[in-house]
Every structure is written in C-alpha cells, then in structure tokens.
C-alpha cells in the first residue's frame, strides 16, 4: 500500500538540487592548496573517489547541468595529478580498495595511463583473485573490477550474494546489522539502481524487509547519512521509497535537516556540525551526508517504478546483465556506474 503524500516529489527535487549544488560549489576544496594543507590525506583521497562516483551517476541523470561540469573538472584534475596514485596507498588498510576504485572511476578520456598501470599491479599482486577476502570485500572488489573492465577471478554475483549479510539477516536483530554492509551489497548487485539485482522474488522481498527494518531503526536514531543510503537501497530492490512508510519518512527527515545552503550538516543528529563550526569543520562534517543525499535523490528522483517492485526478475542472482530501458524501474540510461560512501 502506497503511503506517498503530496509534496514528496517536490521534497526530493529540492533536496537533490540543494545537495548537488553544494557539492559542486565546495568540492574543489578537496584538491586545492588549502585542502592539501588542512585535510588529512586519506579522508581527502576517499572524498575525491566518492566525488568521482557521484559524477558518473550525475552524468546519467542530468548530463547537461553546469554544476556537473564543475564537479567533473575537479575529478579530472585530481586524476591527472602525478602524485595521486601514491596518495591512495598511504594507509595500508585501504590501499588496494582505493587503487581499484581509482582505476574503475577514472574519468572518460583520461589522459594518464596510471589507472591501467594500477590494474596491472593489482592483478600481479593477486588482488583480483578471491584469496581470503571476506564476502563483502569480495563482492566490492568484483563490482569495481567489472566497472574497470579488469580480468579477474572473482566468484559469481549469485555466490557472493548467498554469502552476504542481507541474505542471512532476516532473523537477526536489527541493532546487530551493519547498515553500510547491507546497503552497499544491494548497491553493488544493482549497479546503484541501474540494473536488476537479479534476486528471486522471495530473496528480493526478504532483502527489502531487512532494509525497511533498518531504515526505521536509523530514523529513530537520527542517522541522516545511513537513512539516505537505506532509501536508495529500497529503490535498488524495486520499491518506490516515496511510497513506503520508512522511505517517505526518510525523505521528510532529510528535507527538514537540510541547511539553507543545501548541505546536510552532519552524518547524524549527534554528529551535526556545531553552530560555531569553522568553514573547514563544517565541510568535514557535511561532505559525506550531503554527497549521499545528492546521489540518492538523483537516482530516486530520476526514475521510480509505477508500482512498488515493478521489476522483471531475470532468473536468480546471476541475471544481472540487462540495463534498464526507458520507462522501466529507475530508468537512467546505460549501465555504467558504481559505489558511494562508506
């Protein structure tokens, strides 16, 4: 039963416009002399990777926007910096993940050979094989390797989903679930809503129930960043999040907390930027939640099902190849893009 009320479409449009224009106005700081001096290197590099991801989806949803051209130019300049590949590896905990994302998210027409060199090194080092990766990291690596067009040895998506947290979360207490792992699993399976996740009807329904429970839980905690991800995950699983109680409440909450400048001023109510925050503090508090909101509202606002779960199921998790056509659930054009933030 749809719970959509008047004004939700307008709320999505307003959220989206404000969030993506805030990102376009402020993201240049990440690769500016001031940003280099004032921001820790690894979070700054991660934020640039996230921006590259947003720009790919933005290009699908609103390719003619002037603000997109500004954001894309920031990504292009960063990828052209000869020192950028080295910055990816400064924290060994994230080095290989960042390198694979860097190769996968290279701007179209990139003038540097560095992404290809990174892929060759990752293959030589064995990172493009399963090894001892946990199920979630295995799925993440497959997703980015596919996006990069890399030759890899990873398991099939159906095997990876069967081992994933959403596939076994139905009976787990919601407080014990990692919302980032749940949402990103759904994102990787569905190419952030650009393709059918390939789940059977029963598996899709079960995963959607998990996501809706988590959405309600995070709403109660005031977790703005996670709610944005969970609203997008509902969409990726075939629901219209503007027509589910938790999805509609999530959009309303984000609209209520959005600042006049377009930012979502923190990841959550308890991690909100203080009133006396410096510009650098405000940027660091606001960037990720604002980017997540921009990504979610671009995808959800650009195409929703006429009825919840109006989705063709291509025979199990393996049926992931088909991009959506115009008029289908979440139609945004060609299948091209990947991850957000974690």
Foldseek 3Di string as FASTA:
>chain_A
DFPFDPPLLVLLVLLQVLLLLLCLVPLLLLVDPNNVVPPDLQVSLQLLLQLLQLLVLCCLQPVPDPSSVSSVVSNLVLLPDPCNLVSLPPDVVRNLVSLLSSLLSHDPPRPDCVNVVSLVVCVVVVVLEPPPDQLLVLLSSVLSCVSNVHDGHGDFLQVSVCRACLVPVLPPPLVPDDLVSLLQNLCSLQVLQQWQSQADPVSLVSSLVSLLVNLVVCVVQFQLQSNLSSLSSQLSSQFLLSGDPSSVSSSVSQSVQQDPSSWNQARGPVLGADPPHDPVSSCVRTSQSSSSSNSSSSQSSRFAAPHGNQDDRDHGSNPTPDGDDPPHGSHRDDSRGGDHHD
